[in-house]
C-alpha atoms as a PDB file:
ATOM      1  CA  MET A   1      -0.049  -0.184  -0.092  1.00  0.00           C
ATOM      2  CA  GLU A   2       1.512   3.243  -0.944  1.00  0.00           C
ATOM      3  CA  PHE A   3      -0.256   6.858  -0.432  1.00  0.00           C
ATOM      4  CA  ARG A   4       0.950   9.582  -2.748  1.00  0.00           C
ATOM      5  CA  ILE A   5      -0.165  13.194  -3.021  1.00  0.00           C
ATOM      6  CA  ARG A   6      -1.972  14.045  -5.986  1.00  0.00           C
ATOM      7  CA  SER A   7      -4.277  17.256  -6.929  1.00  0.00           C
ATOM      8  CA  TYR A   8      -7.802  17.082  -6.212  1.00  0.00           C
ATOM      9  CA  GLY A   9      -8.122  16.933 -10.184  1.00  0.00           C
ATOM     10  CA  HIS A  10      -6.061  14.280 -10.883  1.00  0.00           C
ATOM     11  CA  PRO A  11      -7.970  11.161 -12.529  1.00  0.00           C
ATOM     12  CA  ASP A  12      -7.652   8.892  -9.756  1.00  0.00           C
ATOM     13  CA  ALA A  13      -8.604  11.364  -7.249  1.00  0.00           C
ATOM     14  CA  ALA A  14     -11.757  11.970  -9.337  1.00  0.00           C
ATOM     15  CA  LEU A  15     -12.688   8.491  -9.654  1.00  0.00           C
ATOM     16  CA  LEU A  16     -12.538   8.058  -5.982  1.00  0.00           C
ATOM     17  CA  SER A  17     -14.567  11.235  -5.437  1.00  0.00           C
ATOM     18  CA  ASP A  18     -17.057   9.665  -8.147  1.00  0.00           C
ATOM     19  CA  GLN A  19     -17.255   6.589  -5.777  1.00  0.00           C
ATOM     20  CA  VAL A  20     -17.722   8.353  -2.870  1.00  0.00           C
ATOM     21  CA  GLN A  21     -20.716  10.338  -4.277  1.00  0.00           C
ATOM     22  CA  ALA A  22     -22.209   7.325  -5.367  1.00  0.00           C
ATOM     23  CA  GLU A  23     -21.623   6.052  -1.834  1.00  0.00           C
ATOM     24  CA  TYR A  24     -23.446   9.209  -0.418  1.00  0.00           C
ATOM     25  CA  ARG A  25     -26.490   9.354  -2.961  1.00  0.00           C
ATOM     26  CA  ARG A  26     -27.198   5.502  -1.663  1.00  0.00           C
ATOM     27  CA  ARG A  27     -26.980   6.159   2.048  1.00  0.00           C
ATOM     28  CA  PHE A  28     -28.136   9.646   1.921  1.00  0.00           C
ATOM     29  CA  GLY A  29     -30.100   9.964  -1.333  1.00  0.00           C
ATOM     30  CA  TYR A  30     -27.871  13.122  -2.433  1.00  0.00           C
ATOM     31  CA  ASP A  31     -24.723  14.382  -3.195  1.00  0.00           C
ATOM     32  CA  ASP A  32     -22.132  16.288  -0.845  1.00  0.00           C
ATOM     33  CA  PHE A  33     -22.909  19.564  -2.820  1.00  0.00           C
ATOM     34  CA  THR A  34     -19.861  21.335  -0.864  1.00  0.00           C
ATOM     35  CA  ASP A  35     -18.092  23.681  -3.244  1.00  0.00           C
ATOM     36  CA  LEU A  36     -14.701  21.843  -4.041  1.00  0.00           C
ATOM     37  CA  HIS A  37     -11.855  22.783  -6.733  1.00  0.00           C
ATOM     38  CA  PRO A  38      -8.671  21.412  -7.092  1.00  0.00           C
ATOM     39  CA  ALA A  39      -6.784  24.462  -6.007  1.00  0.00           C
ATOM     40  CA  HIS A  40      -8.619  23.953  -2.086  1.00  0.00           C
ATOM     41  CA  PHE A  41      -6.103  21.203  -1.786  1.00  0.00           C
ATOM     42  CA  ASP A  42      -2.985  22.832  -3.197  1.00  0.00           C
ATOM     43  CA  PRO A  43      -0.374  22.764  -0.833  1.00  0.00           C
ATOM     44  CA  PRO A  44       0.215  24.814   1.748  1.00  0.00           C
ATOM     45  CA  GLY A  45      -3.275  25.634   2.103  1.00  0.00           C
ATOM     46  CA  GLY A  46      -4.309  21.752   1.936  1.00  0.00           C
ATOM     47  CA  LEU A  47      -3.637  18.497   0.347  1.00  0.00           C
ATOM     48  CA  PHE A  48      -5.096  15.452  -0.984  1.00  0.00           C
ATOM     49  CA  LEU A  49      -3.981  12.015  -0.849  1.00  0.00           C
ATOM     50  CA  VAL A  50      -4.769   8.831  -2.746  1.00  0.00           C
ATOM     51  CA  ALA A  51      -3.776   5.101  -1.388  1.00  0.00           C
ATOM     52  CA  TYR A  52      -2.601   2.874  -4.316  1.00  0.00           C
ATOM     53  CA  ASP A  53      -2.791  -0.933  -3.830  1.00  0.00           C
ATOM     54  CA  ALA A  54      -0.854  -2.563  -6.802  1.00  0.00           C
ATOM     55  CA  GLY A  55      -1.207   0.710  -8.443  1.00  0.00           C
ATOM     56  CA  VAL A  56      -4.691   0.697  -8.298  1.00  0.00           C
ATOM     57  CA  PRO A  57      -6.225   3.837  -6.485  1.00  0.00           C
ATOM     58  CA  VAL A  58      -8.272   2.334  -3.361  1.00  0.00           C
ATOM     59  CA  ALA A  59      -8.250   5.232  -0.909  1.00  0.00           C
ATOM     60  CA  SER A  60      -8.806   8.876  -0.693  1.00  0.00           C
ATOM     61  CA  GLY A  61      -9.025  11.896   1.561  1.00  0.00           C
ATOM     62  CA  GLY A  62      -7.460  15.668   2.019  1.00  0.00           C
ATOM     63  CA  TRP A  63      -7.795  18.496   4.015  1.00  0.00           C
ATOM     64  CA  ARG A  64      -8.350  22.206   3.137  1.00  0.00           C
ATOM     65  CA  ALA A  65      -7.707  25.423   4.841  1.00  0.00           C
ATOM     66  CA  GLN A  66     -10.565  27.339   6.527  1.00  0.00           C
ATOM     67  CA  GLU A  67     -10.669  30.815   8.187  1.00  0.00           C
ATOM     68  CA  PRO A  68     -13.448  32.276  10.342  1.00  0.00           C
ATOM     69  CA  ASP A  69     -16.896  32.818   8.481  1.00  0.00           C
ATOM     70  CA  ALA A  70     -20.260  33.191   8.719  1.00  0.00           C
ATOM     71  CA  SER A  71     -20.685  29.479   8.294  1.00  0.00           C
ATOM     72  CA  GLY A  72     -19.098  28.558  11.745  1.00  0.00           C
ATOM     73  CA  TYR A  73     -15.007  27.811  10.582  1.00  0.00           C
ATOM     74  CA  ALA A  74     -12.864  29.378  13.386  1.00  0.00           C
ATOM     75  CA  ASP A  75      -9.083  30.507  12.661  1.00  0.00           C
ATOM     76  CA  GLY A  76      -6.915  28.290  11.842  1.00  0.00           C
ATOM     77  CA  ASP A  77      -9.162  25.230  10.622  1.00  0.00           C
ATOM     78  CA  ALA A  78      -8.204  22.282   8.272  1.00  0.00           C
ATOM     79  CA  GLU A  79     -11.368  20.881   6.887  1.00  0.00           C
ATOM     80  CA  LEU A  80     -11.503  17.032   6.465  1.00  0.00           C
ATOM     81  CA  LYS A  81     -12.819  16.229   2.871  1.00  0.00           C
ATOM     82  CA  ARG A  82     -13.625  13.266   0.647  1.00  0.00           C
ATOM     83  CA  MET A  83     -12.226  10.518   3.330  1.00  0.00           C
ATOM     84  CA  PHE A  84     -13.132   7.082   1.459  1.00  0.00           C
ATOM     85  CA  VAL A  85     -11.923   3.208   0.835  1.00  0.00           C
ATOM     86  CA  VAL A  86     -13.720   1.463  -1.503  1.00  0.00           C
ATOM     87  CA  GLU A  87     -15.241  -1.548  -0.326  1.00  0.00           C
ATOM     88  CA  ARG A  88     -12.875  -4.213  -1.064  1.00  0.00           C
ATOM     89  CA  ALA A  89      -9.844  -2.510   0.596  1.00  0.00           C
ATOM     90  CA  ARG A  90     -11.915  -1.769   3.854  1.00  0.00           C
ATOM     91  CA  GLY A  91     -10.662  -3.162   7.168  1.00  0.00           C
ATOM     92  CA  ARG A  92      -6.976  -2.394   6.472  1.00  0.00           C
ATOM     93  CA  GLY A  93      -6.382   0.553   8.512  1.00  0.00           C
ATOM     94  CA  LEU A  94      -6.355   3.069   4.982  1.00  0.00           C
ATOM     95  CA  ALA A  95      -8.736   5.135   6.634  1.00  0.00           C
ATOM     96  CA  ARG A  96      -7.047   5.766   9.839  1.00  0.00           C
ATOM     97  CA  GLY A  97      -3.151   5.893   8.073  1.00  0.00           C
ATOM     98  CA  ASN A  98      -4.765   8.467   5.783  1.00  0.00           C
ATOM     99  CA  LEU A  99      -6.249  10.598   8.569  1.00  0.00           C
ATOM    100  CA  ALA A 100      -3.021  10.460  10.607  1.00  0.00           C
ATOM    101  CA  ALA A 101      -1.165  11.651   7.431  1.00  0.00           C
ATOM    102  CA  LEU A 102      -3.643  14.283   6.765  1.00  0.00           C
ATOM    103  CA  GLU A 103      -3.263  15.460  10.301  1.00  0.00           C
ATOM    104  CA  ASP A 104       0.513  15.906  10.210  1.00  0.00           C
ATOM    105  CA  SER A 105       0.210  17.423   7.045  1.00  0.00           C
ATOM    106  CA  ALA A 106      -1.981  19.995   8.579  1.00  0.00           C
ATOM    107  CA  ARG A 107      -0.164  20.749  11.502  1.00  0.00           C
ATOM    108  CA  ALA A 108       3.174  21.148   9.589  1.00  0.00           C
ATOM    109  CA  ALA A 109       1.263  23.781   7.289  1.00  0.00           C
ATOM    110  CA  GLY A 110       0.354  25.632  11.005  1.00  0.00           C
ATOM    111  CA  ARG A 111      -3.427  24.744  10.896  1.00  0.00           C
ATOM    112  CA  THR A 112      -4.065  24.559  14.528  1.00  0.00           C
ATOM    113  CA  ARG A 113      -7.736  22.247  14.537  1.00  0.00           C
ATOM    114  CA  MET A 114      -9.070  19.608  12.191  1.00  0.00           C
ATOM    115  CA  VAL A 115     -12.518  19.688  11.528  1.00  0.00           C
ATOM    116  CA  LEU A 116     -14.844  17.430   9.748  1.00  0.00           C
ATOM    117  CA  GLU A 117     -18.828  17.008   8.623  1.00  0.00           C
ATOM    118  CA  THR A 118     -19.985  13.267   8.573  1.00  0.00           C
ATOM    119  CA  GLY A 119     -23.707  11.962   9.005  1.00  0.00           C
ATOM    120  CA  ILE A 120     -25.301   9.589  10.892  1.00  0.00           C
ATOM    121  CA  MET A 121     -25.337   7.431   8.008  1.00  0.00           C
ATOM    122  CA  LEU A 122     -22.152   6.658   7.969  1.00  0.00           C
ATOM    123  CA  PRO A 123     -21.472   4.933  11.263  1.00  0.00           C
ATOM    124  CA  GLU A 124     -18.194   3.649  10.506  1.00  0.00           C
ATOM    125  CA  ALA A 125     -16.931   7.085   9.898  1.00  0.00           C
ATOM    126  CA  MET A 126     -18.108   8.407  13.157  1.00  0.00           C
ATOM    127  CA  THR A 127     -16.553   5.351  14.751  1.00  0.00           C
ATOM    128  CA  LEU A 128     -12.925   5.914  13.063  1.00  0.00           C
ATOM    129  CA  TYR A 129     -13.428   9.741  14.284  1.00  0.00           C
ATOM    130  CA  GLU A 130     -14.282   9.411  17.493  1.00  0.00           C
ATOM    131  CA  SER A 131     -11.306   6.472  18.045  1.00  0.00           C
ATOM    132  CA  SER A 132      -9.248   8.685  16.597  1.00  0.00           C
ATOM    133  CA  GLY A 133      -9.627  11.561  19.217  1.00  0.00           C
ATOM    134  CA  TYR A 134     -12.203  13.621  17.198  1.00  0.00           C
ATOM    135  CA  ARG A 135     -15.320  15.328  19.559  1.00  0.00           C
ATOM    136  CA  PRO A 136     -18.738  16.552  18.524  1.00  0.00           C
ATOM    137  CA  THR A 137     -18.237  20.443  17.713  1.00  0.00           C
ATOM    138  CA  GLU A 138     -20.571  23.191  17.011  1.00  0.00           C
ATOM    139  CA  PRO A 139     -22.147  22.843  13.235  1.00  0.00           C
ATOM    140  CA  PHE A 140     -20.487  24.707  10.363  1.00  0.00           C
ATOM    141  CA  GLY A 141     -20.284  24.539   6.579  1.00  0.00           C
ATOM    142  CA  PRO A 142     -22.953  23.938   4.062  1.00  0.00           C
ATOM    143  CA  PHE A 143     -24.588  21.050   6.077  1.00  0.00           C
ATOM    144  CA  ARG A 144     -24.816  22.773   9.411  1.00  0.00           C
ATOM    145  CA  GLU A 145     -28.833  23.180   9.179  1.00  0.00           C
ATOM    146  CA  TYR A 146     -29.038  19.278   8.532  1.00  0.00           C
ATOM    147  CA  GLU A 147     -30.456  16.870  11.384  1.00  0.00           C
ATOM    148  CA  GLU A 148     -28.524  14.034   9.982  1.00  0.00           C
ATOM    149  CA  SER A 149     -25.156  15.657  10.076  1.00  0.00           C
ATOM    150  CA  ARG A 150     -22.508  15.111  12.979  1.00  0.00           C
ATOM    151  CA  PHE A 151     -19.315  17.887  13.406  1.00  0.00           C
ATOM    152  CA  TYR A 152     -16.177  16.882  14.919  1.00  0.00           C
ATOM    153  CA  ALA A 153     -12.690  18.511  15.978  1.00  0.00           C
ATOM    154  CA  LYS A 154      -9.524  17.732  17.115  1.00  0.00           C
ATOM    155  CA  SER A 155      -6.806  19.912  17.890  1.00  0.00           C
ATOM    156  CA  LEU A 156      -3.596  19.794  15.914  1.00  0.00           C
ATOM    157  CA  ARG A 157      -1.543  21.298  18.868  1.00  0.00           C
ATOM    158  CA  SER A 158       0.221  19.279  21.336  1.00  0.00           C
ATOM    159  CA  GLY A 159      -1.602  19.297  24.761  1.00  0.00           C
ATOM    160  CA  GLU A 160      -4.875  20.529  23.873  1.00  0.00           C
ATOM    161  CA  PRO A 161      -7.546  17.819  23.849  1.00  0.00           C
ATOM    162  CA  TRP A 162      -9.500  19.095  20.822  1.00  0.00           C
ATOM    163  CA  GLY A 163      -9.359  22.751  21.055  1.00  0.00           C
ATOM    164  CA  LEU A 164     -12.958  23.827  20.534  1.00  0.00           C
ATOM    165  CA  SER A 165     -12.473  27.650  21.673  1.00  0.00           C
ATOM    166  CA  ARG A 166     -12.828  29.940  19.021  1.00  0.00           C
END
């Protein structure tokens, strides 16, 4: 297994993004309509990773810098997006490895808190994030009014449990 930095516009990233959207449609009945552009994930303001198994893309995820705004982001936030593992590769620690690499990258870029939105129809995602030190936080972003959404945060600063102060 190998993780590679990819542009969000890379064909392998697009392939996995299409697959995660299909998963969202299957579970929620609609796409994630978050406004995402390849430049959002360009270092140093973001990063997108794709995991490969024998040259085949099997997992993805990225973060993008966010700043305080009316939709609830805080100063220094890094927002986790498009975490996904294809079904045949699940249960092998790819999501956890990807998450740790993304946290390290965001920390190195000076981000102080990782935030994410997921939903109640993705209990395995909620379990991953909670077991990785993420805690519930106030709603933010385009899904903040959705009852089925859940919002999590984790401090990227050493010595802080999860950095919920704004």
